[in-house]
Amino acid sequence: MSQENKATIRGLYRSVFDERDLERIADVYSDDAEVHIPGMPEDPFGSEAIRRLFGMIIAAFPTIRCVVEDLIAEGDKVVARTTLHTASGTLDGITPQARLASWQRIDVYRLFQGSIIEHWGDRDDTSTLLHLGIVPPIERQEGYVSPDGGRQV
């Protein structure tokens, strides 16, 4: 079952990001699927809401491509580590000041009978916003100590 679930997730990324086939989402996500995304006031619920979410990402970044770095499956779950690559576009009416080269995501999917019934997403919003030029980089003062203990002068 784990290999079939991995194939479903790999096919999802290929369909959405390579082929721009948003209708495929209805085939992969169950009608009552729930997506848990940090920072969203309300989790998308159902394949139609999830299709709109993916559509928004593709509209904001029309050149987006996805590289599946790792797929790990056990039982009814699949973990995907992906890198999204794109040139900058417009996100919520904001045009970025810099090109966005790439950002990484980690997603955990729970499947039942070949359909995604739950999806947890994790991403690095701060790095993404920095790359877009929406959030300016933090100026480092002399004597700043980075979280890893290295001194920045």
C-alpha atoms as a PDB file:
ATOM      1  CA  MET A   1       0.000   0.000   0.000  1.00  0.00           C
ATOM      2  CA  SER A   2       2.832   2.424   0.782  1.00  0.00           C
ATOM      3  CA  GLN A   3       4.200   2.264  -2.777  1.00  0.00           C
ATOM      4  CA  GLU A   4       0.743   2.969  -4.223  1.00  0.00           C
ATOM      5  CA  ASN A   5       0.322   5.938  -1.866  1.00  0.00           C
ATOM      6  CA  LYS A   6       3.727   7.313  -2.900  1.00  0.00           C
ATOM      7  CA  ALA A   7       2.724   7.001  -6.556  1.00  0.00           C
ATOM      8  CA  THR A   8      -0.495   8.938  -5.823  1.00  0.00           C
ATOM      9  CA  ILE A   9       1.427  11.798  -4.222  1.00  0.00           C
ATOM     10  CA  ARG A  10       4.094  11.879  -6.934  1.00  0.00           C
ATOM     11  CA  GLY A  11       1.293  11.959  -9.525  1.00  0.00           C
ATOM     12  CA  LEU A  12      -0.391  14.843  -7.674  1.00  0.00           C
ATOM     13  CA  TYR A  13       2.723  16.999  -7.898  1.00  0.00           C
ATOM     14  CA  ARG A  14       3.246  16.095 -11.561  1.00  0.00           C
ATOM     15  CA  SER A  15      -0.380  16.806 -12.483  1.00  0.00           C
ATOM     16  CA  VAL A  16      -0.662  20.115 -10.640  1.00  0.00           C
ATOM     17  CA  PHE A  17       2.770  21.681 -11.111  1.00  0.00           C
ATOM     18  CA  ASP A  18       4.022  20.172 -14.379  1.00  0.00           C
ATOM     19  CA  GLU A  19       0.779  19.683 -16.330  1.00  0.00           C
ATOM     20  CA  ARG A  20      -1.319  22.430 -14.637  1.00  0.00           C
ATOM     21  CA  ASP A  21      -4.201  19.927 -14.371  1.00  0.00           C
ATOM     22  CA  LEU A  22      -6.138  21.306 -11.403  1.00  0.00           C
ATOM     23  CA  GLU A  23      -9.086  19.022 -12.166  1.00  0.00           C
ATOM     24  CA  ARG A  24      -6.892  16.076 -11.097  1.00  0.00           C
ATOM     25  CA  ILE A  25      -7.177  17.329  -7.510  1.00  0.00           C
ATOM     26  CA  ALA A  26     -10.789  16.083  -7.356  1.00  0.00           C
ATOM     27  CA  ASP A  27      -9.498  12.608  -8.276  1.00  0.00           C
ATOM     28  CA  VAL A  28      -6.766  12.610  -5.621  1.00  0.00           C
ATOM     29  CA  TYR A  29      -8.322  14.458  -2.649  1.00  0.00           C
ATOM     30  CA  SER A  30     -11.496  13.068  -1.102  1.00  0.00           C
ATOM     31  CA  ASP A  31     -14.534  15.355  -0.998  1.00  0.00           C
ATOM     32  CA  ASP A  32     -14.144  15.685   2.774  1.00  0.00           C
ATOM     33  CA  ALA A  33     -10.342  16.074   2.826  1.00  0.00           C
ATOM     34  CA  GLU A  34      -8.914  18.604   5.241  1.00  0.00           C
ATOM     35  CA  VAL A  35      -5.662  20.521   4.847  1.00  0.00           C
ATOM     36  CA  HIS A  36      -3.878  21.893   7.899  1.00  0.00           C
ATOM     37  CA  ILE A  37      -1.722  24.907   7.020  1.00  0.00           C
ATOM     38  CA  PRO A  38       0.011  27.032   9.659  1.00  0.00           C
ATOM     39  CA  GLY A  39      -1.107  30.648   9.580  1.00  0.00           C
ATOM     40  CA  MET A  40      -4.365  30.079   7.704  1.00  0.00           C
ATOM     41  CA  PRO A  41      -7.378  31.288   9.668  1.00  0.00           C
ATOM     42  CA  GLU A  42      -9.438  28.344   8.462  1.00  0.00           C
ATOM     43  CA  ASP A  43      -8.223  25.059   7.041  1.00  0.00           C
ATOM     44  CA  PRO A  44      -9.321  24.371   3.448  1.00  0.00           C
ATOM     45  CA  PHE A  45     -11.919  21.607   3.490  1.00  0.00           C
ATOM     46  CA  GLY A  46     -12.873  19.462   0.531  1.00  0.00           C
ATOM     47  CA  SER A  47     -11.334  18.977  -2.887  1.00  0.00           C
ATOM     48  CA  GLU A  48     -12.859  22.168  -4.356  1.00  0.00           C
ATOM     49  CA  ALA A  49     -11.298  24.432  -1.716  1.00  0.00           C
ATOM     50  CA  ILE A  50      -7.989  22.640  -2.176  1.00  0.00           C
ATOM     51  CA  ARG A  51      -8.229  23.103  -5.967  1.00  0.00           C
ATOM     52  CA  ARG A  52      -8.754  26.851  -5.432  1.00  0.00           C
ATOM     53  CA  LEU A  53      -5.728  26.956  -3.120  1.00  0.00           C
ATOM     54  CA  PHE A  54      -3.489  25.278  -5.705  1.00  0.00           C
ATOM     55  CA  GLY A  55      -4.991  27.550  -8.382  1.00  0.00           C
ATOM     56  CA  MET A  56      -4.034  30.612  -6.347  1.00  0.00           C
ATOM     57  CA  ILE A  57      -0.432  29.387  -6.090  1.00  0.00           C
ATOM     58  CA  ILE A  58      -0.222  28.767  -9.844  1.00  0.00           C
ATOM     59  CA  ALA A  59      -1.826  32.135 -10.633  1.00  0.00           C
ATOM     60  CA  ALA A  60       0.684  33.898  -8.369  1.00  0.00           C
ATOM     61  CA  PHE A  61       3.631  31.967  -9.811  1.00  0.00           C
ATOM     62  CA  PRO A  62       2.798  30.903 -13.379  1.00  0.00           C
ATOM     63  CA  THR A  63       6.268  29.426 -13.964  1.00  0.00           C
ATOM     64  CA  ILE A  64       6.274  27.306 -10.789  1.00  0.00           C
ATOM     65  CA  ARG A  65       7.774  23.830 -10.954  1.00  0.00           C
ATOM     66  CA  CYS A  66       8.056  21.215  -8.234  1.00  0.00           C
ATOM     67  CA  VAL A  67      10.929  18.835  -7.574  1.00  0.00           C
ATOM     68  CA  VAL A  68      10.125  15.943  -5.263  1.00  0.00           C
ATOM     69  CA  GLU A  69      13.267  15.548  -3.178  1.00  0.00           C
ATOM     70  CA  ASP A  70      12.059  12.751  -0.877  1.00  0.00           C
ATOM     71  CA  LEU A  71       8.966  10.590  -0.488  1.00  0.00           C
ATOM     72  CA  ILE A  72       8.701   8.452   2.617  1.00  0.00           C
ATOM     73  CA  ALA A  73       5.695   6.221   3.203  1.00  0.00           C
ATOM     74  CA  GLU A  74       4.524   4.038   6.020  1.00  0.00           C
ATOM     75  CA  GLY A  75       1.052   2.688   6.547  1.00  0.00           C
ATOM     76  CA  ASP A  76      -1.521   5.264   5.436  1.00  0.00           C
ATOM     77  CA  LYS A  77       0.866   8.253   5.483  1.00  0.00           C
ATOM     78  CA  VAL A  78       3.267   9.759   2.951  1.00  0.00           C
ATOM     79  CA  VAL A  79       5.792  12.484   3.768  1.00  0.00           C
ATOM     80  CA  ALA A  80       7.011  14.598   0.859  1.00  0.00           C
ATOM     81  CA  ARG A  81       9.938  17.021   0.913  1.00  0.00           C
ATOM     82  CA  THR A  82       9.728  19.202  -2.156  1.00  0.00           C
ATOM     83  CA  THR A  83      11.414  22.237  -3.628  1.00  0.00           C
ATOM     84  CA  LEU A  84       9.304  24.686  -5.597  1.00  0.00           C
ATOM     85  CA  HIS A  85      11.125  26.716  -8.262  1.00  0.00           C
ATOM     86  CA  THR A  86       9.737  29.791  -9.986  1.00  0.00           C
ATOM     87  CA  ALA A  87      10.315  33.266 -11.281  1.00  0.00           C
ATOM     88  CA  SER A  88       8.520  35.974  -9.326  1.00  0.00           C
ATOM     89  CA  GLY A  89       4.896  36.862  -9.955  1.00  0.00           C
ATOM     90  CA  THR A  90       2.275  38.710  -7.928  1.00  0.00           C
ATOM     91  CA  LEU A  91       1.013  37.439  -4.580  1.00  0.00           C
ATOM     92  CA  ASP A  92      -2.111  39.054  -3.090  1.00  0.00           C
ATOM     93  CA  GLY A  93      -1.564  42.153  -5.219  1.00  0.00           C
ATOM     94  CA  ILE A  94       2.063  42.573  -4.137  1.00  0.00           C
ATOM     95  CA  THR A  95       4.692  42.488  -6.857  1.00  0.00           C
ATOM     96  CA  PRO A  96       7.966  41.207  -5.441  1.00  0.00           C
ATOM     97  CA  GLN A  97      11.131  43.245  -5.710  1.00  0.00           C
ATOM     98  CA  ALA A  98      13.336  40.237  -6.364  1.00  0.00           C
ATOM     99  CA  ARG A  99      13.078  36.944  -8.211  1.00  0.00           C
ATOM    100  CA  LEU A 100      12.110  33.977  -6.133  1.00  0.00           C
ATOM    101  CA  ALA A 101      14.475  31.169  -6.987  1.00  0.00           C
ATOM    102  CA  SER A 102      13.063  28.386  -4.822  1.00  0.00           C
ATOM    103  CA  TRP A 103      11.565  27.412  -1.503  1.00  0.00           C
ATOM    104  CA  GLN A 104      11.105  24.120   0.272  1.00  0.00           C
ATOM    105  CA  ARG A 105       8.069  22.442   1.763  1.00  0.00           C
ATOM    106  CA  ILE A 106       7.376  19.387   3.835  1.00  0.00           C
ATOM    107  CA  ASP A 107       3.924  17.865   3.506  1.00  0.00           C
ATOM    108  CA  VAL A 108       2.380  14.903   5.283  1.00  0.00           C
ATOM    109  CA  TYR A 109      -0.540  13.167   3.597  1.00  0.00           C
ATOM    110  CA  ARG A 110      -2.917  10.583   5.036  1.00  0.00           C
ATOM    111  CA  LEU A 111      -4.632   8.419   2.457  1.00  0.00           C
ATOM    112  CA  PHE A 112      -7.573   6.037   2.509  1.00  0.00           C
ATOM    113  CA  GLN A 113      -8.328   3.755  -0.428  1.00  0.00           C
ATOM    114  CA  GLY A 114      -6.058   5.792  -2.719  1.00  0.00           C
ATOM    115  CA  SER A 115      -7.478   9.232  -1.815  1.00  0.00           C
ATOM    116  CA  ILE A 116      -5.974  11.953   0.346  1.00  0.00           C
ATOM    117  CA  ILE A 117      -8.181  12.471   3.382  1.00  0.00           C
ATOM    118  CA  GLU A 118      -5.855  14.699   5.398  1.00  0.00           C
ATOM    119  CA  HIS A 119      -2.873  16.883   4.526  1.00  0.00           C
ATOM    120  CA  TRP A 120      -0.519  18.785   6.824  1.00  0.00           C
ATOM    121  CA  GLY A 121       1.688  21.404   5.182  1.00  0.00           C
ATOM    122  CA  ASP A 122       4.775  23.123   6.547  1.00  0.00           C
ATOM    123  CA  ARG A 123       6.747  25.790   4.772  1.00  0.00           C
ATOM    124  CA  ASP A 124       9.290  28.511   5.424  1.00  0.00           C
ATOM    125  CA  ASP A 125       7.218  31.678   4.937  1.00  0.00           C
ATOM    126  CA  THR A 126       9.933  34.009   6.225  1.00  0.00           C
ATOM    127  CA  SER A 127      12.477  32.905   3.613  1.00  0.00           C
ATOM    128  CA  THR A 128       9.840  33.017   0.887  1.00  0.00           C
ATOM    129  CA  LEU A 129       8.815  36.577   1.793  1.00  0.00           C
ATOM    130  CA  LEU A 130      12.469  37.620   1.951  1.00  0.00           C
ATOM    131  CA  HIS A 131      13.099  36.201  -1.543  1.00  0.00           C
ATOM    132  CA  LEU A 132      10.016  38.005  -2.836  1.00  0.00           C
ATOM    133  CA  GLY A 133      11.252  41.289  -1.400  1.00  0.00           C
ATOM    134  CA  ILE A 134       8.054  41.696   0.638  1.00  0.00           C
ATOM    135  CA  VAL A 135       9.915  41.543   3.969  1.00  0.00           C
ATOM    136  CA  PRO A 136      13.239  43.395   4.095  1.00  0.00           C
ATOM    137  CA  PRO A 137      16.264  41.517   5.432  1.00  0.00           C
ATOM    138  CA  ILE A 138      17.099  42.139   9.075  1.00  0.00           C
ATOM    139  CA  GLU A 139      20.106  44.392   9.453  1.00  0.00           C
ATOM    140  CA  ARG A 140      22.704  42.695  11.573  1.00  0.00           C
ATOM    141  CA  GLN A 141      24.364  44.900  14.136  1.00  0.00           C
ATOM    142  CA  GLU A 142      27.983  44.489  15.185  1.00  0.00           C
ATOM    143  CA  GLY A 143      28.146  41.820  17.857  1.00  0.00           C
ATOM    144  CA  TYR A 144      24.987  40.042  16.614  1.00  0.00           C
ATOM    145  CA  VAL A 145      25.051  36.377  17.580  1.00  0.00           C
ATOM    146  CA  SER A 146      23.201  34.111  15.163  1.00  0.00           C
ATOM    147  CA  PRO A 147      20.997  31.313  16.497  1.00  0.00           C
ATOM    148  CA  ASP A 148      23.712  28.796  15.615  1.00  0.00           C
ATOM    149  CA  GLY A 149      26.205  30.651  17.840  1.00  0.00           C
ATOM    150  CA  GLY A 150      28.294  32.109  15.001  1.00  0.00           C
ATOM    151  CA  ARG A 151      29.274  35.743  15.380  1.00  0.00           C
ATOM    152  CA  GLN A 152      28.302  38.137  12.610  1.00  0.00           C
ATOM    153  CA  VAL A 153      30.399  41.320  12.469  1.00  0.00           C
END
